[in-house]
Amino acid sequence: MANLDRAGLTLAAWDAASDGRRRELAAEVAAHVGGRLVDVEVDAQGDQVHRVALVDVRGAHMVLVPGGTVTLGWDPTRGD
Protein backbone atom coordinates (compact mmCIF):
# COMPACT_ATOMS: atom_id res chain seq x y z
CA MET A 1 0.00 0.00 0.00
CA ALA A 2 3.01 2.31 0.07
CA ASN A 3 2.17 3.58 -3.44
CA LEU A 4 -1.46 4.39 -2.64
CA ASP A 5 -2.20 8.06 -3.24
CA ARG A 6 -5.17 10.29 -4.10
CA ALA A 7 -4.87 9.50 -7.81
CA GLY A 8 -5.02 5.74 -7.24
CA LEU A 9 -7.64 5.78 -4.52
CA THR A 10 -10.11 3.03 -5.40
CA LEU A 11 -12.51 1.32 -3.03
CA ALA A 12 -10.46 -1.90 -3.16
CA ALA A 13 -7.24 -0.03 -2.30
CA TRP A 14 -9.01 1.93 0.46
CA ASP A 15 -10.42 -1.27 1.99
CA ALA A 16 -6.98 -2.94 1.87
CA ALA A 17 -5.18 0.01 3.50
CA SER A 18 -4.42 0.16 7.21
CA ASP A 19 -6.50 2.39 9.45
CA GLY A 20 -3.55 4.74 9.80
CA ARG A 21 -3.04 5.00 6.04
CA ARG A 22 -6.77 5.62 5.50
CA ARG A 23 -6.59 8.50 8.00
CA GLU A 24 -3.53 9.96 6.26
CA LEU A 25 -5.18 9.79 2.84
CA ALA A 26 -8.47 11.17 4.11
CA ALA A 27 -6.70 14.09 5.80
CA GLU A 28 -4.82 14.79 2.55
CA VAL A 29 -8.03 14.71 0.50
CA ALA A 30 -9.79 16.94 3.04
CA ALA A 31 -6.96 19.49 2.95
CA HIS A 32 -7.00 19.38 -0.87
CA VAL A 33 -10.61 20.64 -0.87
CA GLY A 34 -10.09 23.16 1.93
CA GLY A 35 -11.51 20.98 4.68
CA ARG A 36 -10.41 18.90 7.62
CA LEU A 37 -10.79 15.26 8.54
CA VAL A 38 -13.38 14.75 11.28
CA ASP A 39 -13.22 10.96 11.66
CA VAL A 40 -12.98 7.61 9.88
CA GLU A 41 -15.78 5.27 10.89
CA VAL A 42 -17.41 2.00 9.90
CA ASP A 43 -20.44 2.17 7.61
CA ALA A 44 -22.58 -0.89 6.84
CA GLN A 45 -25.15 -0.99 4.06
CA GLY A 46 -26.73 -4.40 3.60
CA ASP A 47 -23.93 -6.95 3.34
CA GLN A 48 -21.28 -4.33 2.53
CA VAL A 49 -19.11 -2.94 5.32
CA HIS A 50 -16.53 -0.22 4.63
CA ARG A 51 -14.69 2.53 6.46
CA VAL A 52 -15.76 6.03 5.43
CA ALA A 53 -14.02 9.32 6.11
CA LEU A 54 -16.08 12.21 7.45
CA VAL A 55 -14.79 15.57 6.23
CA ASP A 56 -15.79 19.09 7.26
CA VAL A 57 -15.53 21.69 4.49
CA ARG A 58 -16.40 25.16 5.83
CA GLY A 59 -19.14 23.73 8.05
CA ALA A 60 -20.56 21.31 5.47
CA HIS A 61 -20.09 17.66 6.36
CA MET A 62 -19.01 15.42 3.50
CA VAL A 63 -18.14 11.74 3.21
CA LEU A 64 -15.16 10.47 1.23
CA VAL A 65 -16.35 7.62 -0.99
CA PRO A 66 -13.46 5.99 -2.88
CA GLY A 67 -14.74 4.44 -6.07
CA GLY A 68 -13.78 2.69 -9.23
CA THR A 69 -15.36 1.65 -12.48
CA VAL A 70 -19.07 0.89 -12.19
CA THR A 71 -22.00 0.28 -14.49
CA LEU A 72 -25.04 2.40 -13.74
CA GLY A 73 -28.62 1.74 -14.73
CA TRP A 74 -30.83 -1.23 -15.33
CA ASP A 75 -29.56 -4.06 -17.54
CA PRO A 76 -32.55 -5.80 -19.18
CA THR A 77 -30.36 -8.78 -20.14
CA ARG A 78 -29.79 -9.71 -16.49
CA GLY A 79 -33.39 -10.69 -15.90
CA ASP A 80 -33.60 -9.56 -12.28
C-alpha atoms as a PDB file:
ATOM      1  CA  MET A   1       0.000   0.000   0.000  1.00  0.00           C
ATOM      2  CA  ALA A   2       3.006   2.313   0.069  1.00  0.00           C
ATOM      3  CA  ASN A   3       2.169   3.582  -3.436  1.00  0.00           C
ATOM      4  CA  LEU A   4      -1.457   4.391  -2.636  1.00  0.00           C
ATOM      5  CA  ASP A   5      -2.201   8.062  -3.242  1.00  0.00           C
ATOM      6  CA  ARG A   6      -5.168  10.290  -4.104  1.00  0.00           C
ATOM      7  CA  ALA A   7      -4.869   9.498  -7.814  1.00  0.00           C
ATOM      8  CA  GLY A   8      -5.015   5.738  -7.238  1.00  0.00           C
ATOM      9  CA  LEU A   9      -7.642   5.779  -4.524  1.00  0.00           C
ATOM     10  CA  THR A  10     -10.113   3.032  -5.399  1.00  0.00           C
ATOM     11  CA  LEU A  11     -12.512   1.317  -3.031  1.00  0.00           C
ATOM     12  CA  ALA A  12     -10.459  -1.901  -3.155  1.00  0.00           C
ATOM     13  CA  ALA A  13      -7.240  -0.028  -2.302  1.00  0.00           C
ATOM     14  CA  TRP A  14      -9.013   1.928   0.456  1.00  0.00           C
ATOM     15  CA  ASP A  15     -10.421  -1.271   1.988  1.00  0.00           C
ATOM     16  CA  ALA A  16      -6.979  -2.937   1.867  1.00  0.00           C
ATOM     17  CA  ALA A  17      -5.177   0.012   3.499  1.00  0.00           C
ATOM     18  CA  SER A  18      -4.416   0.155   7.208  1.00  0.00           C
ATOM     19  CA  ASP A  19      -6.503   2.391   9.451  1.00  0.00           C
ATOM     20  CA  GLY A  20      -3.546   4.742   9.795  1.00  0.00           C
ATOM     21  CA  ARG A  21      -3.040   4.998   6.036  1.00  0.00           C
ATOM     22  CA  ARG A  22      -6.770   5.620   5.496  1.00  0.00           C
ATOM     23  CA  ARG A  23      -6.591   8.496   8.003  1.00  0.00           C
ATOM     24  CA  GLU A  24      -3.526   9.963   6.260  1.00  0.00           C
ATOM     25  CA  LEU A  25      -5.179   9.794   2.841  1.00  0.00           C
ATOM     26  CA  ALA A  26      -8.471  11.173   4.113  1.00  0.00           C
ATOM     27  CA  ALA A  27      -6.701  14.091   5.799  1.00  0.00           C
ATOM     28  CA  GLU A  28      -4.817  14.790   2.552  1.00  0.00           C
ATOM     29  CA  VAL A  29      -8.032  14.714   0.498  1.00  0.00           C
ATOM     30  CA  ALA A  30      -9.791  16.937   3.044  1.00  0.00           C
ATOM     31  CA  ALA A  31      -6.964  19.488   2.949  1.00  0.00           C
ATOM     32  CA  HIS A  32      -6.999  19.379  -0.870  1.00  0.00           C
ATOM     33  CA  VAL A  33     -10.613  20.635  -0.874  1.00  0.00           C
ATOM     34  CA  GLY A  34     -10.090  23.155   1.931  1.00  0.00           C
ATOM     35  CA  GLY A  35     -11.507  20.979   4.679  1.00  0.00           C
ATOM     36  CA  ARG A  36     -10.409  18.902   7.625  1.00  0.00           C
ATOM     37  CA  LEU A  37     -10.788  15.258   8.535  1.00  0.00           C
ATOM     38  CA  VAL A  38     -13.376  14.748  11.284  1.00  0.00           C
ATOM     39  CA  ASP A  39     -13.219  10.958  11.663  1.00  0.00           C
ATOM     40  CA  VAL A  40     -12.984   7.614   9.880  1.00  0.00           C
ATOM     41  CA  GLU A  41     -15.775   5.268  10.894  1.00  0.00           C
ATOM     42  CA  VAL A  42     -17.406   1.999   9.899  1.00  0.00           C
ATOM     43  CA  ASP A  43     -20.438   2.168   7.613  1.00  0.00           C
ATOM     44  CA  ALA A  44     -22.581  -0.887   6.840  1.00  0.00           C
ATOM     45  CA  GLN A  45     -25.154  -0.991   4.062  1.00  0.00           C
ATOM     46  CA  GLY A  46     -26.727  -4.402   3.600  1.00  0.00           C
ATOM     47  CA  ASP A  47     -23.930  -6.954   3.336  1.00  0.00           C
ATOM     48  CA  GLN A  48     -21.276  -4.333   2.535  1.00  0.00           C
ATOM     49  CA  VAL A  49     -19.105  -2.942   5.319  1.00  0.00           C
ATOM     50  CA  HIS A  50     -16.533  -0.221   4.626  1.00  0.00           C
ATOM     51  CA  ARG A  51     -14.691   2.535   6.455  1.00  0.00           C
ATOM     52  CA  VAL A  52     -15.755   6.034   5.431  1.00  0.00           C
ATOM     53  CA  ALA A  53     -14.020   9.320   6.106  1.00  0.00           C
ATOM     54  CA  LEU A  54     -16.083  12.206   7.448  1.00  0.00           C
ATOM     55  CA  VAL A  55     -14.787  15.568   6.232  1.00  0.00           C
ATOM     56  CA  ASP A  56     -15.795  19.088   7.262  1.00  0.00           C
ATOM     57  CA  VAL A  57     -15.527  21.692   4.494  1.00  0.00           C
ATOM     58  CA  ARG A  58     -16.403  25.157   5.828  1.00  0.00           C
ATOM     59  CA  GLY A  59     -19.139  23.731   8.049  1.00  0.00           C
ATOM     60  CA  ALA A  60     -20.562  21.312   5.467  1.00  0.00           C
ATOM     61  CA  HIS A  61     -20.087  17.658   6.358  1.00  0.00           C
ATOM     62  CA  MET A  62     -19.007  15.422   3.498  1.00  0.00           C
ATOM     63  CA  VAL A  63     -18.140  11.743   3.206  1.00  0.00           C
ATOM     64  CA  LEU A  64     -15.163  10.472   1.225  1.00  0.00           C
ATOM     65  CA  VAL A  65     -16.348   7.621  -0.992  1.00  0.00           C
ATOM     66  CA  PRO A  66     -13.458   5.991  -2.877  1.00  0.00           C
ATOM     67  CA  GLY A  67     -14.745   4.438  -6.071  1.00  0.00           C
ATOM     68  CA  GLY A  68     -13.776   2.688  -9.229  1.00  0.00           C
ATOM     69  CA  THR A  69     -15.364   1.648 -12.475  1.00  0.00           C
ATOM     70  CA  VAL A  70     -19.074   0.887 -12.190  1.00  0.00           C
ATOM     71  CA  THR A  71     -22.003   0.284 -14.489  1.00  0.00           C
ATOM     72  CA  LEU A  72     -25.045   2.402 -13.738  1.00  0.00           C
ATOM     73  CA  GLY A  73     -28.616   1.741 -14.732  1.00  0.00           C
ATOM     74  CA  TRP A  74     -30.831  -1.233 -15.325  1.00  0.00           C
ATOM     75  CA  ASP A  75     -29.558  -4.064 -17.535  1.00  0.00           C
ATOM     76  CA  PRO A  76     -32.546  -5.798 -19.181  1.00  0.00           C
ATOM     77  CA  THR A  77     -30.359  -8.776 -20.143  1.00  0.00           C
ATOM     78  CA  ARG A  78     -29.788  -9.713 -16.494  1.00  0.00           C
ATOM     79  CA  GLY A  79     -33.390 -10.690 -15.896  1.00  0.00           C
ATOM     80  CA  ASP A  80     -33.595  -9.555 -12.280  1.00  0.00           C
END
